[in-house]
Amino acid sequence: MKVYKFGGASVRSAEGIRNIVNIVSKENDNLFIVISAMGKTTNAMEVVLDFFMKAEHESALQKLLEVESFHYDIVDQLFDNKTIGIETVKPLFDELRMIIREGVGDDYDCWYDRLVSYGELISTRIVSAFLNESAVNNLWLDMRGLLVTDSNFREANVRMEESQIQLQKAADFSKSRIYISQGFIGANIKGDPTTLGREGSDYSAAVVGNLLDAESVSIWKDVPGILNADPRIFENTVLIPELTYLDAVELAFSGAQIIHPKTIKPLENKHIPLYVRPFGSPTETGSVIKATIDKPIDVPILILRKNQVLITIRPRDFSFVLEESLSKAFTVLNKHRLKVSLIQSSAISISVCVDNTRYLSGALDELGNEFKVSYNDGLELLTIRGLNDEIVKKTTLGRNILLKQRTRRSGRFLMKEI
C-alpha cells in the first residue's frame, strides 16, 4: 500500500485534477490519497473567517461566494454531467453559509479550524467524484472521523493509538483499492474539527503512512523534487536526489518550504521512504528521503526564511539571564505559539528569532512585564549548509547582518536589506 499526497497547486485547476487521474490510473497498488484545499482556498477562507470574527457576516458570505464560484468553475470544466459535480459540493457550501449566519465569533483558533477546514472537504469531494466518473473507483473518507487529535486548535497533535484504530477500520482495502481523504484536518475526541498547522497536509500523509504501514509516501509537487534552494529566489538551483531523514529534519527546521517540519518523524519511526515527485512530469524520479543514502549531499543548500523578528530581552534587575529568567521567557514564547528558529545569549541578555505572526504582540506585551524588551522586524534568516566565503558574500550582499552563527559546515545570517 502506498500513500499519495497532492497539494493545493496540484488541484488548483481542472487540468491539474485530470493529471491526478492520469497519475493514479497508472498505479496498481492500493492507494490512500491525501489532498489539500484547491489553490489559494485556505487564504480565501481565512478572509472569510476574519469577517466572521468581526461579526461582518454579509462580507463573510460575499467572500464565501467568491470561493464557491471558483470551485463551481472547476466543476463546470471537469464534469460532463454538471449536476453530479454541483451536488457533490453544494451541501458543504450550504453548511458553511448556515454556520456563518448563526455562529458567534469568540475563539479565533477554534473557529479557524471549524471554517477553514472546509477547503479540504470541498476539494476532496470534487476529486473523488471526478475519479469515479473517470472509472478510477474510490471511496471518500472524512479525516475528521479518522485522525484523533488533542484540542490545540490550529496546531493540533495527533493521538496515534486512537487514530490507528479509526483509520485501519475505515481504510479497508478489501472494499476499495483507492481511498481519498483530506490533509491538514482532524478532530478532537469530542468531534470538534482541528487543523495540524499551515502546510500540515504533508504531515497528514506521513501519519497515514505510519498508521497503515505504507510501503512509501509520495508528495507530488510543482517542482522537480527537492532542490538545493528556492528557484524563485536563487539562481542555478540543482536537484538533490537523496537525503537522509536527519538532512530533511535540519532543512525543515531551517525553513525549507518543500517539507513540513513534522513530516519526517512518523516516517523515520517505521523507515518509510518519502518521495518528492514532480506533478508535471510524473515519470521523473524526483527526490527520496530515507534512512541511508548512497552519496552525501555535495552542493550547498540555501534556505531563506522571510518575515522574521529578532527579540532581545534583558532582566530588569540585572540578574544573569541564563538562570530562571530563561525558562520564564521560553514559557511565554511557547504560550503564544512563537517558534524559535535561532537563539543567542550573553551574560545578561538573550536574543531569539521568531516568525512574525498574529501572536507576536501578545508575547511582547507579556515579556515586557518581567523583562526589558527590544525587537527588530522585517528581517530575513538565511541558512547556508555547506557554506564557503564566496557563497556568504554573494548571498548577503546589500544586507545589514544583525546576527550570525557559524559551525563547521553551516551558517545562519539574520539580516535586513540596506
Protein backbone atom coordinates (compact mmCIF):
# COMPACT_ATOMS: atom_id res chain seq x y z
CA MET A 1 0.00 0.00 0.00
CA LYS A 2 1.22 3.48 -0.88
CA VAL A 3 0.24 6.97 0.22
CA TYR A 4 0.00 9.77 -2.35
CA LYS A 5 -0.35 13.39 -1.32
CA PHE A 6 -1.40 16.13 -3.75
CA GLY A 7 -1.02 19.75 -2.66
CA GLY A 8 -3.06 22.83 -3.44
CA ALA A 9 -1.08 23.61 -6.58
CA SER A 10 -1.92 20.16 -7.97
CA VAL A 11 -5.68 20.71 -7.62
CA ARG A 12 -5.92 24.42 -8.41
CA SER A 13 -7.36 23.78 -11.88
CA ALA A 14 -9.37 21.27 -13.88
CA GLU A 15 -6.21 20.43 -15.79
CA GLY A 16 -4.43 19.56 -12.55
CA ILE A 17 -7.22 17.27 -11.42
CA ARG A 18 -7.18 15.49 -14.78
CA ASN A 19 -3.46 14.95 -14.24
CA ILE A 20 -4.22 13.31 -10.89
CA VAL A 21 -6.45 10.88 -12.75
CA ASN A 22 -3.57 10.19 -15.13
CA ILE A 23 -1.12 9.55 -12.27
CA VAL A 24 -3.45 7.46 -10.12
CA SER A 25 -4.77 5.34 -13.00
CA LYS A 26 -1.23 4.07 -13.68
CA GLU A 27 -0.70 2.83 -10.10
CA ASN A 28 -1.68 -0.80 -9.48
CA ASP A 29 -1.05 -0.90 -5.73
CA ASN A 30 -3.57 0.02 -3.07
CA LEU A 31 -3.59 3.79 -2.55
CA PHE A 32 -4.54 6.17 0.21
CA ILE A 33 -4.65 9.64 -1.34
CA VAL A 34 -4.36 12.79 0.79
CA ILE A 35 -5.41 16.06 -0.84
CA SER A 36 -5.11 19.72 0.16
CA ALA A 37 -7.52 22.58 -0.46
CA MET A 38 -7.57 23.90 -4.03
CA GLY A 39 -5.11 26.64 -4.93
CA LYS A 40 -5.36 29.60 -2.56
CA THR A 41 -8.61 28.44 -0.94
CA THR A 42 -7.10 28.36 2.56
CA ASN A 43 -6.06 32.01 2.23
CA ALA A 44 -9.53 32.93 0.97
CA MET A 45 -11.22 31.06 3.83
CA GLU A 46 -9.02 32.95 6.28
CA VAL A 47 -10.52 36.17 4.88
CA VAL A 48 -14.00 34.71 5.38
CA LEU A 49 -13.02 33.92 8.96
CA ASP A 50 -11.71 37.44 9.59
CA PHE A 51 -15.02 38.95 8.52
CA PHE A 52 -16.89 36.38 10.61
CA MET A 53 -14.85 37.16 13.72
CA LYS A 54 -15.72 40.86 13.33
CA ALA A 55 -19.42 39.93 13.02
CA GLU A 56 -19.43 41.25 9.44
CA HIS A 57 -21.50 38.31 8.27
CA GLU A 58 -22.58 39.75 4.93
CA SER A 59 -18.96 40.45 3.97
CA ALA A 60 -18.05 36.92 5.04
CA LEU A 61 -20.84 35.48 2.89
CA GLN A 62 -19.78 37.63 -0.07
CA LYS A 63 -16.22 36.35 0.17
CA LEU A 64 -17.53 32.81 0.52
CA LEU A 65 -19.46 33.33 -2.70
CA GLU A 66 -16.14 34.03 -4.46
CA VAL A 67 -14.75 30.77 -3.07
CA GLU A 68 -17.86 28.94 -4.21
CA SER A 69 -17.66 30.41 -7.73
CA PHE A 70 -14.02 29.36 -8.03
CA HIS A 71 -14.90 25.76 -7.22
CA TYR A 72 -18.00 25.69 -9.42
CA ASP A 73 -15.91 26.94 -12.32
CA ILE A 74 -13.59 23.94 -11.90
CA VAL A 75 -16.58 21.61 -11.55
CA ASP A 76 -18.05 23.04 -14.75
CA GLN A 77 -14.84 22.27 -16.65
CA LEU A 78 -14.50 18.76 -15.25
CA PHE A 79 -17.89 17.06 -15.31
CA ASP A 80 -19.90 16.14 -18.38
CA ASN A 81 -22.88 15.75 -16.08
CA LYS A 82 -22.85 19.16 -14.34
CA THR A 83 -25.49 18.05 -11.85
CA ILE A 84 -23.17 15.42 -10.36
CA GLY A 85 -20.41 17.98 -9.87
CA ILE A 86 -22.65 20.61 -8.30
CA GLU A 87 -24.44 18.18 -5.99
CA THR A 88 -21.06 16.94 -4.81
CA VAL A 89 -20.11 20.24 -3.15
CA LYS A 90 -23.33 22.25 -2.78
CA PRO A 91 -24.23 20.70 0.63
CA LEU A 92 -20.83 21.76 2.01
CA PHE A 93 -21.29 25.38 0.93
CA ASP A 94 -24.82 25.32 2.35
CA GLU A 95 -23.37 24.16 5.69
CA LEU A 96 -20.83 26.96 5.61
CA ARG A 97 -23.47 29.60 4.98
CA MET A 98 -25.55 28.32 7.89
CA ILE A 99 -22.53 28.33 10.22
CA ILE A 100 -21.63 31.90 9.24
CA ARG A 101 -25.19 33.18 9.67
CA GLU A 102 -25.77 31.53 13.03
CA GLY A 103 -22.32 31.44 14.62
CA VAL A 104 -20.76 33.94 17.00
CA GLY A 105 -17.02 34.52 16.62
CA ASP A 106 -15.48 34.17 20.07
CA ASP A 107 -12.47 31.84 19.99
CA TYR A 108 -10.42 32.60 16.83
CA ASP A 109 -8.42 29.36 16.80
CA CYS A 110 -11.45 27.15 17.34
CA TRP A 111 -13.44 28.90 14.62
CA TYR A 112 -10.43 28.81 12.31
CA ASP A 113 -10.44 25.03 12.43
CA ARG A 114 -14.18 24.78 12.00
CA LEU A 115 -14.43 27.10 8.98
CA VAL A 116 -11.11 26.88 7.15
CA SER A 117 -11.12 23.06 7.20
CA TYR A 118 -13.96 23.10 4.65
CA GLY A 119 -11.42 23.85 1.92
CA GLU A 120 -10.07 20.29 2.16
CA LEU A 121 -13.53 18.75 2.42
CA ILE A 122 -14.66 20.50 -0.77
CA SER A 123 -11.55 19.70 -2.79
CA THR A 124 -11.59 16.00 -1.89
CA ARG A 125 -15.29 15.70 -2.71
CA ILE A 126 -14.62 17.08 -6.19
CA VAL A 127 -11.55 14.92 -6.84
CA SER A 128 -13.23 11.76 -5.54
CA ALA A 129 -16.32 12.30 -7.68
CA PHE A 130 -14.28 13.03 -10.80
CA LEU A 131 -12.08 9.97 -10.29
CA ASN A 132 -15.22 7.83 -10.05
CA GLU A 133 -16.62 9.42 -13.19
CA SER A 134 -13.30 8.64 -14.89
CA ALA A 135 -13.62 4.95 -13.95
CA VAL A 136 -11.00 5.22 -11.20
CA ASN A 137 -13.18 3.81 -8.47
CA ASN A 138 -12.55 5.09 -4.96
CA LEU A 139 -14.19 5.76 -1.61
CA TRP A 140 -14.18 9.16 0.13
CA LEU A 141 -13.33 9.38 3.82
CA ASP A 142 -13.77 12.27 6.26
CA MET A 143 -10.50 12.73 8.15
CA ARG A 144 -12.40 14.46 10.97
CA GLY A 145 -13.52 10.99 11.98
CA LEU A 146 -10.16 9.32 11.45
CA LEU A 147 -7.34 11.47 12.82
CA VAL A 148 -7.96 11.90 16.54
CA THR A 149 -6.14 14.91 17.95
CA ASP A 150 -5.88 16.98 21.09
CA SER A 151 -7.66 20.34 21.34
CA ASN A 152 -4.68 22.52 20.48
CA PHE A 153 -6.65 24.28 17.75
CA ARG A 154 -4.70 25.36 14.64
CA GLU A 155 -1.69 23.23 15.66
CA ALA A 156 -3.27 20.04 16.91
CA ASN A 157 -1.22 16.99 17.86
CA VAL A 158 -2.31 13.60 16.54
CA ARG A 159 -3.11 10.87 19.05
CA MET A 160 -1.54 8.00 17.19
CA GLU A 161 -3.06 4.99 19.00
CA GLU A 162 -6.66 6.22 18.79
CA SER A 163 -6.15 7.34 15.20
CA GLN A 164 -4.73 3.97 14.16
CA ILE A 165 -7.86 2.19 15.36
CA GLN A 166 -10.14 4.55 13.43
CA LEU A 167 -8.03 4.66 10.29
CA GLN A 168 -7.43 0.93 9.94
CA LYS A 169 -11.13 0.29 10.43
CA ALA A 170 -12.12 2.81 7.73
CA ALA A 171 -9.45 2.06 5.11
CA ASP A 172 -10.48 -1.49 4.30
CA PHE A 173 -8.72 -2.26 1.04
CA SER A 174 -10.86 -5.35 0.50
CA LYS A 175 -13.72 -2.92 -0.17
CA SER A 176 -11.85 -0.40 -2.28
CA ARG A 177 -8.34 -0.22 -3.74
CA ILE A 178 -8.28 3.58 -3.51
CA TYR A 179 -9.33 5.92 -0.70
CA ILE A 180 -9.49 9.72 -0.89
CA SER A 181 -9.21 11.90 2.21
CA GLN A 182 -8.08 15.30 3.42
CA GLY A 183 -4.77 16.62 4.60
CA PHE A 184 -4.43 19.27 7.31
CA ILE A 185 -7.55 18.35 9.31
CA GLY A 186 -8.69 16.05 12.10
CA ALA A 187 -10.93 16.31 15.17
CA ASN A 188 -10.61 16.02 18.94
CA ILE A 189 -12.32 13.31 20.94
CA LYS A 190 -15.46 15.47 21.20
CA GLY A 191 -15.65 15.73 17.41
CA ASP A 192 -14.61 19.38 17.20
CA PRO A 193 -12.67 19.97 13.94
CA THR A 194 -8.96 20.68 14.35
CA THR A 195 -6.14 21.53 11.97
CA LEU A 196 -2.49 20.49 12.12
CA GLY A 197 -0.85 23.80 11.24
CA ARG A 198 -0.34 25.54 7.90
CA GLU A 199 1.07 23.17 5.28
CA GLY A 200 0.00 20.30 7.55
CA SER A 201 -1.15 18.09 4.66
CA ASP A 202 2.36 16.65 4.31
CA TYR A 203 2.20 15.70 7.98
CA SER A 204 -1.22 14.10 7.46
CA ALA A 205 0.21 11.94 4.68
CA ALA A 206 3.15 10.89 6.88
CA VAL A 207 0.83 9.98 9.76
CA VAL A 208 -1.38 7.92 7.44
CA GLY A 209 1.71 6.17 6.08
CA ASN A 210 2.82 5.32 9.59
CA LEU A 211 -0.56 4.12 10.83
CA LEU A 212 -1.26 1.99 7.75
CA ASP A 213 2.33 0.68 7.45
CA ALA A 214 2.69 2.06 3.95
CA GLU A 215 5.41 0.90 1.58
CA SER A 216 6.13 4.54 0.75
CA VAL A 217 4.74 8.06 0.85
CA SER A 218 4.89 10.27 -2.26
CA ILE A 219 4.34 14.01 -2.13
CA TRP A 220 3.57 15.43 -5.58
CA LYS A 221 4.86 18.99 -6.02
CA ASP A 222 5.13 21.59 -8.77
CA VAL A 223 8.95 21.29 -8.62
CA PRO A 224 11.34 18.61 -9.99
CA GLY A 225 11.99 17.33 -6.46
CA ILE A 226 13.99 18.72 -3.57
CA LEU A 227 16.25 21.50 -4.83
CA ASN A 228 19.26 22.99 -3.07
CA ALA A 229 17.48 26.37 -2.97
CA ASP A 230 14.21 28.06 -3.87
CA PRO A 231 14.42 28.75 -7.63
CA ARG A 232 12.18 31.81 -7.19
CA ILE A 233 14.91 33.41 -5.06
CA PHE A 234 18.24 31.85 -6.06
CA GLU A 235 19.75 31.15 -9.47
CA ASN A 236 21.20 27.90 -10.82
CA THR A 237 19.44 25.55 -8.43
CA VAL A 238 20.09 21.82 -8.68
CA LEU A 239 18.16 18.69 -7.75
CA ILE A 240 19.17 16.74 -4.64
CA PRO A 241 18.26 13.13 -5.49
CA GLU A 242 18.68 11.65 -1.99
CA LEU A 243 18.56 12.92 1.59
CA THR A 244 18.63 11.20 4.96
CA TYR A 245 15.87 11.74 7.49
CA LEU A 246 18.34 13.83 9.50
CA ASP A 247 19.12 16.02 6.49
CA ALA A 248 15.41 16.59 5.94
CA VAL A 249 14.71 17.49 9.57
CA GLU A 250 17.52 20.04 9.59
CA LEU A 251 16.29 21.63 6.36
CA ALA A 252 12.69 21.73 7.56
CA PHE A 253 13.71 23.33 10.86
CA SER A 254 15.66 25.99 8.96
CA GLY A 255 12.55 26.89 6.98
CA ALA A 256 12.70 24.79 3.80
CA GLN A 257 9.22 25.05 2.29
CA ILE A 258 9.36 21.74 0.46
CA ILE A 259 8.84 19.67 3.64
CA HIS A 260 6.66 20.33 6.66
CA PRO A 261 8.76 20.12 9.86
CA LYS A 262 6.56 17.45 11.46
CA THR A 263 6.53 15.19 8.43
CA ILE A 264 9.71 13.22 8.96
CA LYS A 265 9.22 11.68 12.43
CA PRO A 266 6.27 9.33 11.64
CA LEU A 267 8.15 8.06 8.59
CA GLU A 268 11.54 7.66 10.26
CA ASN A 269 9.92 5.68 13.08
CA LYS A 270 8.97 2.94 10.60
CA HIS A 271 11.69 3.54 7.97
CA ILE A 272 9.15 4.54 5.32
CA PRO A 273 10.77 6.38 2.39
CA LEU A 274 9.35 9.75 1.40
CA TYR A 275 9.40 10.62 -2.29
CA VAL A 276 9.06 14.19 -3.54
CA ARG A 277 7.95 13.88 -7.15
CA PRO A 278 7.23 16.36 -9.97
CA PHE A 279 3.49 16.64 -10.58
CA GLY A 280 4.01 17.95 -14.09
CA SER A 281 6.43 15.14 -15.08
CA PRO A 282 5.23 12.04 -13.22
CA THR A 283 7.66 9.68 -14.98
CA GLU A 284 10.66 11.51 -13.49
CA THR A 285 12.20 10.15 -10.30
CA GLY A 286 12.30 13.32 -8.18
CA SER A 287 13.93 13.01 -4.75
CA VAL A 288 13.76 10.50 -1.92
CA ILE A 289 14.25 10.88 1.84
CA LYS A 290 15.27 7.67 3.61
CA ALA A 291 17.42 6.23 6.38
CA THR A 292 20.69 5.93 4.44
CA ILE A 293 21.85 7.32 1.11
CA ASP A 294 24.49 6.18 -1.37
CA LYS A 295 26.15 9.55 -1.84
CA PRO A 296 26.36 12.50 0.58
CA ILE A 297 24.98 15.87 -0.48
CA ASP A 298 27.79 17.65 -2.29
CA VAL A 299 26.18 21.00 -3.12
CA PRO A 300 25.50 23.98 -0.83
CA ILE A 301 21.92 24.26 0.42
CA LEU A 302 20.40 27.72 0.84
CA ILE A 303 17.19 28.44 2.75
CA LEU A 304 15.73 31.93 3.11
CA ARG A 305 13.08 32.49 5.75
CA LYS A 306 11.32 35.84 5.42
CA ASN A 307 9.21 38.00 7.76
CA GLN A 308 11.35 37.28 10.81
CA VAL A 309 11.60 39.18 14.10
CA LEU A 310 14.63 39.43 16.38
CA ILE A 311 13.56 39.79 20.02
CA THR A 312 16.12 40.71 22.68
CA ILE A 313 15.26 40.56 26.38
CA ARG A 314 17.21 41.68 29.45
CA PRO A 315 16.25 41.13 33.09
CA ARG A 316 15.11 44.35 34.75
CA ASP A 317 17.15 43.59 37.89
CA PHE A 318 20.41 42.87 36.01
CA SER A 319 20.37 39.22 37.09
CA PHE A 320 22.00 36.58 34.95
CA VAL A 321 19.67 35.71 32.08
CA LEU A 322 20.58 32.03 31.98
CA GLU A 323 19.08 31.38 35.40
CA GLU A 324 15.32 31.28 35.97
CA SER A 325 14.79 34.16 33.53
CA LEU A 326 15.47 31.84 30.62
CA SER A 327 12.69 29.39 31.48
CA LYS A 328 10.25 32.26 32.06
CA ALA A 329 10.98 33.74 28.64
CA PHE A 330 10.53 30.47 26.78
CA THR A 331 7.35 29.69 28.68
CA VAL A 332 5.89 32.95 27.36
CA LEU A 333 7.06 32.29 23.81
CA ASN A 334 5.57 28.80 23.87
CA LYS A 335 2.31 30.08 25.32
CA HIS A 336 1.97 32.49 22.39
CA ARG A 337 2.88 29.83 19.83
CA LEU A 338 6.06 31.54 18.70
CA LYS A 339 8.53 29.04 17.26
CA VAL A 340 12.15 29.95 17.92
CA SER A 341 14.40 29.37 14.91
CA LEU A 342 17.61 30.89 16.32
CA ILE A 343 18.96 31.64 19.81
CA GLN A 344 21.90 33.73 21.01
CA SER A 345 22.68 34.64 24.61
CA SER A 346 25.11 36.67 26.66
CA ALA A 347 25.53 37.07 30.42
CA ILE A 348 22.56 39.44 30.77
CA SER A 349 20.58 39.16 27.52
CA ILE A 350 19.04 36.60 25.25
CA SER A 351 18.04 37.09 21.62
CA VAL A 352 15.66 34.86 19.69
CA CYS A 353 14.47 34.87 16.10
CA VAL A 354 10.79 34.04 15.54
CA ASP A 355 8.21 34.23 12.75
CA ASN A 356 6.13 37.41 12.69
CA THR A 357 2.66 36.03 13.47
CA ARG A 358 -0.58 37.39 14.88
CA TYR A 359 0.56 36.22 18.32
CA LEU A 360 3.70 38.38 18.40
CA SER A 361 2.23 41.48 20.05
CA GLY A 362 0.75 39.47 22.89
CA ALA A 363 4.09 37.80 23.56
CA LEU A 364 5.94 41.13 23.53
CA ASP A 365 3.45 42.60 25.99
CA GLU A 366 3.77 39.68 28.39
CA LEU A 367 7.57 39.58 28.15
CA GLY A 368 7.56 43.30 28.97
CA ASN A 369 6.07 42.54 32.37
CA GLU A 370 9.32 40.91 33.51
CA PHE A 371 11.99 42.00 31.05
CA LYS A 372 13.30 44.94 29.12
CA VAL A 373 12.31 44.08 25.56
CA SER A 374 13.54 45.34 22.20
CA TYR A 375 12.92 43.91 18.75
CA ASN A 376 13.64 44.32 15.03
CA ASP A 377 11.13 43.18 12.42
CA GLY A 378 11.13 42.85 8.65
CA LEU A 379 14.16 40.56 8.76
CA GLU A 380 15.30 37.55 6.72
CA LEU A 381 17.00 34.45 8.11
CA LEU A 382 19.40 32.85 5.63
CA THR A 383 20.68 29.37 6.38
CA ILE A 384 23.58 28.01 4.33
CA ARG A 385 24.58 24.39 4.69
CA GLY A 386 27.93 23.64 3.07
CA LEU A 387 28.96 27.27 3.19
CA ASN A 388 32.07 28.98 1.87
CA ASP A 389 33.16 32.61 1.88
CA GLU A 390 32.15 33.15 -1.75
CA ILE A 391 28.58 31.99 -1.16
CA VAL A 392 28.27 34.06 2.01
CA LYS A 393 29.49 37.19 0.23
CA LYS A 394 27.18 36.68 -2.73
CA THR A 395 24.01 35.90 -0.76
CA THR A 396 24.42 38.60 1.90
CA LEU A 397 25.44 41.41 -0.47
CA GLY A 398 23.49 44.61 0.15
CA ARG A 399 22.20 43.46 3.51
CA ASN A 400 22.91 44.51 7.07
CA ILE A 401 23.67 41.42 9.18
CA LEU A 402 22.23 41.79 12.67
CA LEU A 403 23.26 38.38 13.94
CA LYS A 404 25.24 35.45 12.57
CA GLN A 405 26.16 31.98 13.73
CA ARG A 406 28.61 29.56 12.10
CA THR A 407 29.50 25.94 12.72
CA ARG A 408 31.85 23.62 10.84
CA ARG A 409 29.53 23.19 7.88
CA SER A 410 26.66 25.64 8.30
CA GLY A 411 26.00 29.33 8.75
CA ARG A 412 22.92 31.33 9.71
CA PHE A 413 22.57 35.02 8.99
CA LEU A 414 19.77 37.23 10.31
CA MET A 415 19.73 40.28 8.07
CA LYS A 416 17.86 43.20 6.58
CA GLU A 417 18.17 44.98 3.27
CA ILE A 418 20.21 48.19 3.49
